C-alpha atoms as a PDB file:
ATOM      1  CA  MET A   1     -15.829   5.914   6.358  1.00  0.00           C
ATOM      2  CA  ARG A   2     -12.800   5.555   8.610  1.00  0.00           C
ATOM      3  CA  LYS A   3     -10.894   2.450   7.525  1.00  0.00           C
ATOM      4  CA  ILE A   4     -11.149  -0.147   4.745  1.00  0.00           C
ATOM      5  CA  LEU A   5      -9.737  -3.699   4.697  1.00  0.00           C
ATOM      6  CA  VAL A   6      -8.983  -5.469   1.391  1.00  0.00           C
ATOM      7  CA  PRO A   7      -7.903  -9.136   1.719  1.00  0.00           C
ATOM      8  CA  ILE A   8      -6.173 -10.393  -1.430  1.00  0.00           C
ATOM      9  CA  ALA A   9      -5.269 -13.946  -2.416  1.00  0.00           C
ATOM     10  CA  TYR A  10      -5.127 -14.296  -6.241  1.00  0.00           C
ATOM     11  CA  TRP A  11      -4.022 -11.377  -8.380  1.00  0.00           C
ATOM     12  CA  GLU A  12      -6.477 -12.194 -11.187  1.00  0.00           C
ATOM     13  CA  THR A  13      -9.505 -11.976  -8.867  1.00  0.00           C
ATOM     14  CA  CYS A  14      -8.464  -9.190  -6.486  1.00  0.00           C
ATOM     15  CA  GLN A  15      -7.604  -6.329  -8.845  1.00  0.00           C
ATOM     16  CA  GLY A  16     -11.153  -4.987  -9.167  1.00  0.00           C
ATOM     17  CA  ALA A  17     -11.703  -5.011  -5.403  1.00  0.00           C
ATOM     18  CA  LEU A  18      -8.301  -3.436  -4.768  1.00  0.00           C
ATOM     19  CA  ARG A  19      -8.783  -0.549  -7.185  1.00  0.00           C
ATOM     20  CA  TYR A  20     -12.349   0.079  -5.986  1.00  0.00           C
ATOM     21  CA  ALA A  21     -11.092   0.295  -2.396  1.00  0.00           C
ATOM     22  CA  GLY A  22      -8.239   2.545  -3.542  1.00  0.00           C
ATOM     23  CA  ARG A  23     -10.695   4.937  -5.189  1.00  0.00           C
ATOM     24  CA  LEU A  24     -12.818   5.047  -2.015  1.00  0.00           C
ATOM     25  CA  SER A  25      -9.733   5.754   0.093  1.00  0.00           C
ATOM     26  CA  LEU A  26      -8.654   8.466  -2.341  1.00  0.00           C
ATOM     27  CA  LYS A  27     -12.077  10.197  -2.407  1.00  0.00           C
ATOM     28  CA  LEU A  28     -13.002   9.787   1.280  1.00  0.00           C
ATOM     29  CA  GLY A  29      -9.560  10.039   2.903  1.00  0.00           C
ATOM     30  CA  ALA A  30     -10.205   6.683   4.598  1.00  0.00           C
ATOM     31  CA  SER A  31      -7.277   4.593   5.796  1.00  0.00           C
ATOM     32  CA  LEU A  32      -6.669   1.393   3.820  1.00  0.00           C
ATOM     33  CA  THR A  33      -5.165  -1.962   4.767  1.00  0.00           C
ATOM     34  CA  VAL A  34      -4.302  -4.535   2.095  1.00  0.00           C
ATOM     35  CA  LEU A  35      -4.014  -7.981   3.689  1.00  0.00           C
ATOM     36  CA  HIS A  36      -2.613 -11.230   2.330  1.00  0.00           C
ATOM     37  CA  VAL A  37      -2.924 -14.423   4.382  1.00  0.00           C
ATOM     38  CA  ALA A  38      -0.185 -16.958   3.640  1.00  0.00           C
ATOM     39  CA  THR A  39       0.432 -20.506   4.774  1.00  0.00           C
ATOM     40  CA  PRO A  40       3.149 -20.538   7.477  1.00  0.00           C
ATOM     41  CA  PRO A  41       6.472 -21.789   6.038  1.00  0.00           C
ATOM     42  CA  ARG A  42       7.470 -25.263   7.296  1.00  0.00           C
ATOM     43  CA  GLU A  43       9.867 -27.196   5.152  1.00  0.00           C
ATOM     44  CA  THR A  44      11.662 -24.281   3.499  1.00  0.00           C
ATOM     45  CA  LEU A  45      14.926 -22.823   4.752  1.00  0.00           C
ATOM     46  CA  LEU A  46      13.035 -19.784   6.049  1.00  0.00           C
ATOM     47  CA  GLY A  47      10.756 -22.079   8.016  1.00  0.00           C
ATOM     48  CA  ARG A  48      13.577 -23.741   9.977  1.00  0.00           C
ATOM     49  CA  GLY A  49      13.993 -21.419  12.902  1.00  0.00           C
ATOM     50  CA  LEU A  50      14.753 -18.180  11.074  1.00  0.00           C
ATOM     51  CA  SER A  51      13.134 -15.535  13.255  1.00  0.00           C
ATOM     52  CA  SER A  52      11.033 -12.637  12.002  1.00  0.00           C
ATOM     53  CA  GLU A  53      13.585 -10.294  13.555  1.00  0.00           C
ATOM     54  CA  LYS A  54      16.283 -11.709  11.259  1.00  0.00           C
ATOM     55  CA  LEU A  55      14.094 -11.226   8.210  1.00  0.00           C
ATOM     56  CA  GLU A  56      13.595  -7.598   9.242  1.00  0.00           C
ATOM     57  CA  ASP A  57      17.289  -7.021   9.999  1.00  0.00           C
ATOM     58  CA  TRP A  58      18.392  -8.488   6.674  1.00  0.00           C
ATOM     59  CA  GLY A  59      15.706  -6.696   4.647  1.00  0.00           C
ATOM     60  CA  VAL A  60      14.389 -10.058   3.390  1.00  0.00           C
ATOM     61  CA  GLU A  61      10.691 -10.055   2.635  1.00  0.00           C
ATOM     62  CA  PRO A  62       8.791 -13.120   3.875  1.00  0.00           C
ATOM     63  CA  PRO A  63       7.259 -15.553   1.363  1.00  0.00           C
ATOM     64  CA  GLY A  64       3.941 -14.196   0.095  1.00  0.00           C
ATOM     65  CA  PHE A  65       4.854 -10.510   0.356  1.00  0.00           C
ATOM     66  CA  GLU A  66       5.426 -10.200  -3.405  1.00  0.00           C
ATOM     67  CA  LEU A  67       1.634 -10.127  -3.934  1.00  0.00           C
ATOM     68  CA  LEU A  68       1.403  -7.136  -1.587  1.00  0.00           C
ATOM     69  CA  ARG A  69       4.137  -5.346  -3.564  1.00  0.00           C
ATOM     70  CA  ARG A  70       2.056  -5.784  -6.726  1.00  0.00           C
ATOM     71  CA  ALA A  71      -0.876  -4.271  -4.851  1.00  0.00           C
ATOM     72  CA  GLN A  72       1.332  -1.361  -3.772  1.00  0.00           C
ATOM     73  CA  ASP A  73       2.325  -0.692  -7.389  1.00  0.00           C
ATOM     74  CA  SER A  74      -1.344  -0.744  -8.437  1.00  0.00           C
ATOM     75  CA  LEU A  75      -2.364   1.761  -5.756  1.00  0.00           C
ATOM     76  CA  GLN A  76       0.596   3.995  -6.648  1.00  0.00           C
ATOM     77  CA  GLU A  77      -0.596   4.047 -10.284  1.00  0.00           C
ATOM     78  CA  LEU A  78      -4.022   5.051  -8.984  1.00  0.00           C
ATOM     79  CA  GLY A  79      -2.475   8.079  -7.249  1.00  0.00           C
ATOM     80  CA  LEU A  80      -3.293   6.997  -3.696  1.00  0.00           C
ATOM     81  CA  LEU A  81       0.252   7.033  -2.278  1.00  0.00           C
ATOM     82  CA  ALA A  82       2.148  10.147  -1.248  1.00  0.00           C
ATOM     83  CA  LEU A  83       5.632  10.281  -2.814  1.00  0.00           C
ATOM     84  CA  ASP A  84       8.881  11.605  -1.345  1.00  0.00           C
ATOM     85  CA  GLU A  85      11.393  13.871  -3.109  1.00  0.00           C
ATOM     86  CA  ARG A  86      12.833  10.834  -4.925  1.00  0.00           C
ATOM     87  CA  GLY A  87       9.427   9.852  -6.285  1.00  0.00           C
ATOM     88  CA  ARG A  88       9.151   6.832  -3.983  1.00  0.00           C
ATOM     89  CA  PRO A  89       6.197   6.040  -1.687  1.00  0.00           C
ATOM     90  CA  GLU A  90       6.523   7.908   1.603  1.00  0.00           C
ATOM     91  CA  GLU A  91       6.963   5.463   4.496  1.00  0.00           C
ATOM     92  CA  ARG A  92       5.844   5.652   8.078  1.00  0.00           C
ATOM     93  CA  HIS A  93       7.947   2.518   8.452  1.00  0.00           C
ATOM     94  CA  ALA A  94       9.525  -0.060   6.126  1.00  0.00           C
ATOM     95  CA  LEU A  95       8.936  -3.823   6.387  1.00  0.00           C
ATOM     96  CA  LYS A  96       8.482  -4.615  10.038  1.00  0.00           C
ATOM     97  CA  ALA A  97       7.561  -7.694  12.077  1.00  0.00           C
ATOM     98  CA  ILE A  98       4.601  -6.495  14.176  1.00  0.00           C
ATOM     99  CA  ALA A  99       4.051  -9.835  15.898  1.00  0.00           C
ATOM    100  CA  HIS A 100       4.691 -13.521  15.313  1.00  0.00           C
ATOM    101  CA  GLY A 101       3.328 -14.273  11.831  1.00  0.00           C
ATOM    102  CA  LEU A 102       2.382 -10.632  11.153  1.00  0.00           C
ATOM    103  CA  TYR A 103       4.477  -8.353   8.899  1.00  0.00           C
ATOM    104  CA  GLU A 104       3.691  -4.842   7.719  1.00  0.00           C
ATOM    105  CA  VAL A 105       4.801  -1.992   5.484  1.00  0.00           C
ATOM    106  CA  HIS A 106       3.171   1.295   6.534  1.00  0.00           C
ATOM    107  CA  LEU A 107       2.883   4.039   3.890  1.00  0.00           C
ATOM    108  CA  VAL A 108       1.245   7.475   3.702  1.00  0.00           C
ATOM    109  CA  GLY A 109      -1.734   8.310   1.485  1.00  0.00           C
ATOM    110  CA  THR A 110      -2.135  11.545  -0.446  1.00  0.00           C
ATOM    111  CA  SER A 111      -4.614  12.838   2.168  1.00  0.00           C
ATOM    112  CA  GLY A 112      -2.338  11.795   5.026  1.00  0.00           C
ATOM    113  CA  GLN A 113      -4.309   8.590   5.645  1.00  0.00           C
ATOM    114  CA  ASP A 114      -2.615   5.336   6.654  1.00  0.00           C
ATOM    115  CA  VAL A 115      -2.009   2.816   3.861  1.00  0.00           C
ATOM    116  CA  ARG A 116      -0.812  -0.508   5.230  1.00  0.00           C
ATOM    117  CA  PHE A 117       0.284  -3.699   3.478  1.00  0.00           C
ATOM    118  CA  ARG A 118       0.037  -6.630   5.884  1.00  0.00           C
ATOM    119  CA  LEU A 119       0.992 -10.287   5.692  1.00  0.00           C
ATOM    120  CA  ARG A 120      -0.563 -12.694   8.180  1.00  0.00           C
ATOM    121  CA  GLU A 121       0.065 -16.416   8.443  1.00  0.00           C
ATOM    122  CA  GLY A 122      -2.664 -18.970   9.102  1.00  0.00           C
ATOM    123  CA  PRO A 123      -6.139 -20.033   7.884  1.00  0.00           C
ATOM    124  CA  PRO A 124      -7.575 -17.254   5.665  1.00  0.00           C
ATOM    125  CA  VAL A 125     -11.034 -16.838   7.232  1.00  0.00           C
ATOM    126  CA  ARG A 126      -9.674 -16.837  10.774  1.00  0.00           C
ATOM    127  CA  GLU A 127      -6.940 -14.299  10.020  1.00  0.00           C
ATOM    128  CA  ILE A 128      -9.195 -11.972   8.003  1.00  0.00           C
ATOM    129  CA  LEU A 129     -11.742 -11.939  10.831  1.00  0.00           C
ATOM    130  CA  ARG A 130      -8.954 -11.382  13.347  1.00  0.00           C
ATOM    131  CA  GLU A 131      -7.789  -8.324  11.420  1.00  0.00           C
ATOM    132  CA  ALA A 132     -11.377  -7.063  11.103  1.00  0.00           C
ATOM    133  CA  GLU A 133     -11.774  -7.068  14.910  1.00  0.00           C
ATOM    134  CA  ASP A 134     -10.206  -3.596  14.914  1.00  0.00           C
ATOM    135  CA  PRO A 135     -13.299  -1.384  15.502  1.00  0.00           C
ATOM    136  CA  GLU A 136     -11.964   1.314  13.157  1.00  0.00           C
ATOM    137  CA  TYR A 137     -12.695  -0.909  10.157  1.00  0.00           C
ATOM    138  CA  ASP A 138     -16.003   0.093   8.587  1.00  0.00           C
ATOM    139  CA  LEU A 139     -15.720  -2.032   5.442  1.00  0.00           C
ATOM    140  CA  VAL A 140     -14.129  -5.286   4.268  1.00  0.00           C
ATOM    141  CA  LEU A 141     -13.920  -5.437   0.471  1.00  0.00           C
ATOM    142  CA  MET A 142     -13.517  -9.016  -0.773  1.00  0.00           C
ATOM    143  CA  GLY A 143     -12.667 -10.313  -4.216  1.00  0.00           C
ATOM    144  CA  THR A 144     -14.115 -13.725  -5.085  1.00  0.00           C
ATOM    145  CA  ARG A 145     -13.296 -16.587  -7.426  1.00  0.00           C
ATOM    146  CA  GLY A 146     -17.000 -16.902  -8.228  1.00  0.00           C
ATOM    147  CA  HIS A 147     -17.736 -20.534  -7.267  1.00  0.00           C
ATOM    148  CA  THR A 148     -21.474 -21.252  -7.171  1.00  0.00           C
ATOM    149  CA  GLY A 149     -23.839 -24.075  -6.265  1.00  0.00           C
ATOM    150  CA  LEU A 150     -22.412 -27.478  -5.340  1.00  0.00           C
ATOM    151  CA  ARG A 151     -18.821 -26.424  -5.927  1.00  0.00           C
ATOM    152  CA  ARG A 152     -19.215 -23.574  -3.388  1.00  0.00           C
ATOM    153  CA  TRP A 153     -20.592 -25.980  -0.777  1.00  0.00           C
ATOM    154  CA  LEU A 154     -17.821 -28.520  -1.381  1.00  0.00           C
ATOM    155  CA  LEU A 155     -14.923 -26.040  -1.490  1.00  0.00           C
ATOM    156  CA  GLY A 156     -16.317 -23.360   0.773  1.00  0.00           C
ATOM    157  CA  SER A 157     -16.078 -19.655   0.088  1.00  0.00           C
ATOM    158  CA  VAL A 158     -13.779 -17.369   2.045  1.00  0.00           C
ATOM    159  CA  ALA A 159     -15.755 -14.322   0.844  1.00  0.00           C
ATOM    160  CA  GLN A 160     -19.074 -15.788   1.952  1.00  0.00           C
ATOM    161  CA  GLU A 161     -17.762 -16.851   5.360  1.00  0.00           C
ATOM    162  CA  VAL A 162     -16.275 -13.413   5.978  1.00  0.00           C
ATOM    163  CA  ALA A 163     -19.477 -11.722   4.788  1.00  0.00           C
ATOM    164  CA  LEU A 164     -21.587 -13.705   7.259  1.00  0.00           C
ATOM    165  CA  HIS A 165     -19.297 -13.372  10.280  1.00  0.00           C
ATOM    166  CA  ALA A 166     -17.332 -10.112  10.022  1.00  0.00           C
ATOM    167  CA  PRO A 167     -18.217  -7.474  12.664  1.00  0.00           C
ATOM    168  CA  CYS A 168     -18.468  -4.701  10.030  1.00  0.00           C
ATOM    169  CA  SER A 169     -19.857  -4.128   6.537  1.00  0.00           C
ATOM    170  CA  VAL A 170     -18.627  -6.480   3.804  1.00  0.00           C
ATOM    171  CA  LEU A 171     -18.629  -5.909   0.037  1.00  0.00           C
ATOM    172  CA  VAL A 172     -18.296  -9.129  -1.990  1.00  0.00           C
ATOM    173  CA  ALA A 173     -16.863  -7.699  -5.206  1.00  0.00           C
ATOM    174  CA  LYS A 174     -18.037 -10.235  -7.799  1.00  0.00           C
ATOM    175  CA  ASN A 175     -17.758  -8.671 -11.279  1.00  0.00           C
ATOM    176  CA  LEU A 176     -17.341  -5.235  -9.708  1.00  0.00           C
ATOM    177  CA  GLN A 177     -16.955  -2.386 -12.211  1.00  0.00           C
ATOM    178  CA  PRO A 178     -15.685   1.071 -11.133  1.00  0.00           C
ATOM    179  CA  ASP A 179     -18.632   3.025 -12.577  1.00  0.00           C
ATOM    180  CA  ARG A 180     -21.370   0.675 -11.351  1.00  0.00           C
ATOM    181  CA  GLY A 181     -24.331   2.373  -9.641  1.00  0.00           C
ATOM    182  CA  LEU A 182     -25.731   1.251  -6.279  1.00  0.00           C
ATOM    183  CA  MET A 183     -29.177  -0.193  -5.567  1.00  0.00           C
ATOM    184  CA  VAL A 184     -30.421  -0.427  -1.965  1.00  0.00           C
ATOM    185  CA  GLY A 185     -33.174  -2.656  -0.653  1.00  0.00           C
ATOM    186  CA  VAL A 186     -35.446  -0.363   1.408  1.00  0.00           C
ATOM    187  CA  THR A 187     -37.632  -1.956   4.109  1.00  0.00           C
ATOM    188  CA  GLY A 188     -38.077   0.693   6.797  1.00  0.00           C
ATOM    189  CA  ARG A 189     -35.899  -1.226   9.254  1.00  0.00           C
ATOM    190  CA  GLU A 190     -32.996   0.513  10.961  1.00  0.00           C
ATOM    191  CA  THR A 191     -30.620  -1.893   9.214  1.00  0.00           C
ATOM    192  CA  ALA A 192     -31.975  -0.813   5.816  1.00  0.00           C
ATOM    193  CA  LEU A 193     -31.553   2.872   6.683  1.00  0.00           C
ATOM    194  CA  GLU A 194     -27.910   2.194   7.567  1.00  0.00           C
ATOM    195  CA  ALA A 195     -27.539   0.476   4.194  1.00  0.00           C
ATOM    196  CA  VAL A 196     -28.962   3.590   2.501  1.00  0.00           C
ATOM    197  CA  ARG A 197     -26.562   5.840   4.417  1.00  0.00           C
ATOM    198  CA  GLN A 198     -23.507   3.773   3.419  1.00  0.00           C
ATOM    199  CA  ALA A 199     -24.658   3.422  -0.189  1.00  0.00           C
ATOM    200  CA  GLY A 200     -25.152   7.182  -0.324  1.00  0.00           C
ATOM    201  CA  GLU A 201     -21.644   7.821   0.981  1.00  0.00           C
ATOM    202  CA  ILE A 202     -20.156   5.564  -1.718  1.00  0.00           C
ATOM    203  CA  ALA A 203     -22.388   6.878  -4.520  1.00  0.00           C
ATOM    204  CA  GLU A 204     -21.540  10.492  -3.701  1.00  0.00           C
ATOM    205  CA  ALA A 205     -17.792   9.773  -3.388  1.00  0.00           C
ATOM    206  CA  LEU A 206     -17.607   7.921  -6.718  1.00  0.00           C
ATOM    207  CA  ASP A 207     -20.276  10.034  -8.500  1.00  0.00           C
ATOM    208  CA  VAL A 208     -22.403   7.049  -9.570  1.00  0.00           C
ATOM    209  CA  PRO A 209     -26.216   6.579  -9.657  1.00  0.00           C
ATOM    210  CA  LEU A 210     -28.163   5.530  -6.550  1.00  0.00           C
ATOM    211  CA  VAL A 211     -31.497   3.646  -6.693  1.00  0.00           C
ATOM    212  CA  LEU A 212     -33.758   3.019  -3.677  1.00  0.00           C
ATOM    213  CA  LEU A 213     -35.874  -0.106  -4.202  1.00  0.00           C
ATOM    214  CA  ALA A 214     -38.891  -1.123  -2.082  1.00  0.00           C
ATOM    215  CA  VAL A 215     -40.364  -4.574  -2.774  1.00  0.00           C
ATOM    216  CA  ILE A 216     -43.965  -5.313  -1.755  1.00  0.00           C
ATOM    217  CA  PRO A 217     -45.714  -8.726  -1.750  1.00  0.00           C
ATOM    218  CA  GLU A 218     -48.887  -7.550  -3.537  1.00  0.00           C
ATOM    219  CA  PRO A 219     -50.048  -4.355  -5.250  1.00  0.00           C
ATOM    220  CA  GLU A 220     -52.536  -3.225  -2.611  1.00  0.00           C
ATOM    221  CA  GLU A 221     -53.067   0.394  -1.642  1.00  0.00           C
ATOM    222  CA  GLY A 222     -51.926  -0.112   1.955  1.00  0.00           C
ATOM    223  CA  THR A 223     -48.685  -1.909   1.097  1.00  0.00           C
ATOM    224  CA  ARG A 224     -47.842   0.636  -1.625  1.00  0.00           C
ATOM    225  CA  ALA A 225     -48.408   3.520   0.794  1.00  0.00           C
ATOM    226  CA  GLU A 226     -46.109   1.829   3.300  1.00  0.00           C
ATOM    227  CA  ALA A 227     -43.424   1.385   0.614  1.00  0.00           C
ATOM    228  CA  GLU A 228     -43.687   5.062  -0.297  1.00  0.00           C
ATOM    229  CA  ARG A 229     -43.207   5.959   3.374  1.00  0.00           C
ATOM    230  CA  HIS A 230     -40.103   3.750   3.525  1.00  0.00           C
ATOM    231  CA  LEU A 231     -38.691   5.535   0.477  1.00  0.00           C
ATOM    232  CA  ARG A 232     -39.276   8.945   2.121  1.00  0.00           C
ATOM    233  CA  GLU A 233     -37.511   7.753   5.278  1.00  0.00           C
ATOM    234  CA  ALA A 234     -34.610   6.485   3.174  1.00  0.00           C
ATOM    235  CA  ARG A 235     -34.201   9.817   1.378  1.00  0.00           C
ATOM    236  CA  ALA A 236     -34.159  11.582   4.741  1.00  0.00           C
ATOM    237  CA  VAL A 237     -30.821   9.939   5.708  1.00  0.00           C
ATOM    238  CA  LEU A 238     -29.128  11.074   2.468  1.00  0.00           C
ATOM    239  CA  PRO A 239     -27.427  14.433   1.839  1.00  0.00           C
ATOM    240  CA  PRO A 240     -29.989  16.852   0.288  1.00  0.00           C
ATOM    241  CA  GLY A 241     -28.481  16.927  -3.202  1.00  0.00           C
ATOM    242  CA  LEU A 242     -28.176  13.154  -3.407  1.00  0.00           C
ATOM    243  CA  ALA A 243     -31.664  12.652  -1.960  1.00  0.00           C
ATOM    244  CA  GLU A 244     -33.077  14.659  -4.867  1.00  0.00           C
ATOM    245  CA  ARG A 245     -31.075  12.747  -7.499  1.00  0.00           C
ATOM    246  CA  ALA A 246     -31.663   9.236  -6.121  1.00  0.00           C
ATOM    247  CA  GLU A 247     -34.255   7.220  -8.052  1.00  0.00           C
ATOM    248  CA  GLY A 248     -37.042   5.532  -6.067  1.00  0.00           C
ATOM    249  CA  ARG A 249     -38.687   2.324  -7.292  1.00  0.00           C
ATOM    250  CA  ILE A 250     -41.524   0.148  -5.968  1.00  0.00           C
ATOM    251  CA  ARG A 251     -41.814  -3.391  -7.313  1.00  0.00           C
ATOM    252  CA  VAL A 252     -44.122  -6.340  -6.561  1.00  0.00           C
ATOM    253  CA  GLY A 253     -42.733  -9.837  -5.997  1.00  0.00           C
ATOM    254  CA  ASP A 254     -40.464 -12.059  -3.941  1.00  0.00           C
ATOM    255  CA  PRO A 255     -37.901  -9.770  -2.214  1.00  0.00           C
ATOM    256  CA  ALA A 256     -34.730 -11.733  -3.010  1.00  0.00           C
ATOM    257  CA  GLN A 257     -35.649 -12.558  -6.594  1.00  0.00           C
ATOM    258  CA  THR A 258     -36.863  -9.025  -7.328  1.00  0.00           C
ATOM    259  CA  LEU A 259     -33.710  -7.441  -5.895  1.00  0.00           C
ATOM    260  CA  LEU A 260     -31.543  -9.743  -8.012  1.00  0.00           C
ATOM    261  CA  GLU A 261     -33.539  -9.064 -11.187  1.00  0.00           C
ATOM    262  CA  GLU A 262     -33.627  -5.287 -10.699  1.00  0.00           C
ATOM    263  CA  ALA A 263     -29.916  -5.042  -9.885  1.00  0.00           C
ATOM    264  CA  GLY A 264     -28.912  -7.271 -12.812  1.00  0.00           C
ATOM    265  CA  GLU A 265     -25.462  -6.401 -14.128  1.00  0.00           C
ATOM    266  CA  ALA A 266     -25.880  -2.640 -13.761  1.00  0.00           C
ATOM    267  CA  PHE A 267     -25.889  -2.168  -9.982  1.00  0.00           C
ATOM    268  CA  LEU A 268     -23.998  -3.020  -6.826  1.00  0.00           C
ATOM    269  CA  LEU A 269     -26.718  -4.423  -4.557  1.00  0.00           C
ATOM    270  CA  VAL A 270     -26.742  -3.060  -0.968  1.00  0.00           C
ATOM    271  CA  LEU A 271     -28.626  -4.743   1.883  1.00  0.00           C
ATOM    272  CA  GLY A 272     -28.967  -3.996   5.568  1.00  0.00           C
ATOM    273  CA  ARG A 273     -27.392  -6.762   7.582  1.00  0.00           C
ATOM    274  CA  VAL A 274     -29.633  -8.689   9.978  1.00  0.00           C
ATOM    275  CA  ARG A 275     -27.784 -10.516  12.739  1.00  0.00           C
ATOM    276  CA  ARG A 276     -28.882 -14.144  13.119  1.00  0.00           C
ATOM    277  CA  SER A 277     -27.308 -17.229  14.606  1.00  0.00           C
ATOM    278  CA  ARG A 278     -25.964 -19.794  12.153  1.00  0.00           C
ATOM    279  CA  VAL A 279     -28.680 -22.247  13.296  1.00  0.00           C
ATOM    280  CA  LYS A 280     -31.439 -19.765  12.402  1.00  0.00           C
ATOM    281  CA  GLU A 281     -29.838 -19.147   9.015  1.00  0.00           C
ATOM    282  CA  MET A 282     -29.926 -22.881   8.301  1.00  0.00           C
ATOM    283  CA  LEU A 283     -33.468 -23.444   9.601  1.00  0.00           C
ATOM    284  CA  LEU A 284     -35.240 -20.274   8.459  1.00  0.00           C
ATOM    285  CA  GLY A 285     -33.177 -19.209   5.490  1.00  0.00           C
ATOM    286  CA  ASP A 286     -31.834 -15.703   5.053  1.00  0.00           C
ATOM    287  CA  ILE A 287     -32.327 -13.231   2.197  1.00  0.00           C
ATOM    288  CA  SER A 288     -28.697 -12.064   2.453  1.00  0.00           C
ATOM    289  CA  LEU A 289     -27.403 -15.636   2.192  1.00  0.00           C
ATOM    290  CA  LYS A 290     -29.673 -16.334  -0.790  1.00  0.00           C
ATOM    291  CA  ILE A 291     -28.579 -13.179  -2.596  1.00  0.00           C
ATOM    292  CA  LEU A 292     -24.887 -13.823  -1.895  1.00  0.00           C
ATOM    293  CA  GLU A 293     -25.290 -17.328  -3.318  1.00  0.00           C
ATOM    294  CA  GLN A 294     -27.269 -16.375  -6.421  1.00  0.00           C
ATOM    295  CA  SER A 295     -26.072 -12.902  -7.392  1.00  0.00           C
ATOM    296  CA  GLN A 296     -23.874 -12.586 -10.469  1.00  0.00           C
ATOM    297  CA  GLY A 297     -22.846  -9.082  -9.369  1.00  0.00           C
ATOM    298  CA  PRO A 298     -21.364  -7.397  -6.303  1.00  0.00           C
ATOM    299  CA  VAL A 299     -23.242  -7.345  -2.978  1.00  0.00           C
ATOM    300  CA  LEU A 300     -22.655  -5.077   0.037  1.00  0.00           C
ATOM    301  CA  LEU A 301     -23.990  -6.209   3.427  1.00  0.00           C
ATOM    302  CA  ALA A 302     -24.091  -3.037   5.519  1.00  0.00           C
ATOM    303  CA  ALA A 303     -23.532  -3.089   9.281  1.00  0.00           C
ATOM    304  CA  PRO A 304     -23.459   0.006  11.538  1.00  0.00           C
ATOM    305  CA  PRO A 305     -20.049   1.497  12.438  1.00  0.00           C
ATOM    306  CA  ARG A 306     -18.670   0.249  15.736  1.00  0.00           C
ATOM    307  CA  PRO A 307     -17.898   2.678  18.555  1.00  0.00           C
ATOM    308  CA  LEU A 308     -14.227   3.174  19.316  1.00  0.00           C
ATOM    309  CA  PRO A 309     -12.984   2.344  22.827  1.00  0.00           C
ATOM    310  CA  ALA A 310     -12.532   5.298  25.142  1.00  0.00           C
ATOM    311  CA  PRO A 311      -8.891   6.516  25.263  1.00  0.00           C
ATOM    312  CA  GLU A 312      -6.966   5.403  28.299  1.00  0.00           C
ATOM    313  CA  GLU A 313      -6.355   8.065  30.911  1.00  0.00           C
ATOM    314  CA  PRO A 314      -2.664   9.050  31.323  1.00  0.00           C
END
């Protein structure tokens, strides 16, 4: 895993996601960006023509950056940040205006990885997806306020919108606990094998259980044999030691309902991400959408890593 993005909005709902991402960064050496999207200032003194350059020159942090400082303190307590001789976080640069409406503090992690705290201004979904366009991001880890049913449809869900449209894997961290095991839906598709690979990387890094679950529509000999083959293929993409420890299960029933029941409150549910247009999702339904809507626990939609652009020739 190369780079993790953690958008935060409300301290009460983001702490679990933030600390989980911090542990992954610490164990894997992955770079980490903590992002807060704020409403652009309008009627305040700072919103009346005071340029970002002035804020930087005066050492004044823009409105909304205090939440990022709380996140910095939390990650320092976790042991993620390298400290200088004075015991302060080591900086690659202090608060800096990167672009209009984009501010950043760039720190160093204990493995030398980049740890960034970024403030963007604008609509949350748009700005989170804009940040996630960087092909180095392999994972977006979203906290959620947990709206369900009619209230979700009326108010919308930033986490759900990001999960459906981000160009990389997304973990919706509802009720996420640090020692929670991972359960992967195994289907034999390439997308499911990628989900197994990513779940294995997380399970090995955090030393938590991994379960491979194949769901079949009826208990016939042919379908069971196919499920067993899918489980063997899934184990083949895992490191040898983890492949031996991972539990394999075959269950009969509706795929979405069975996955939700088996995962319960004990597992983070991992699914391969199938790309569909929004029209097809509305007309045909989608197992990922159903599970995101109904799950009371965390869900990871796994997408393959994106290739990095070729370096420009000098």
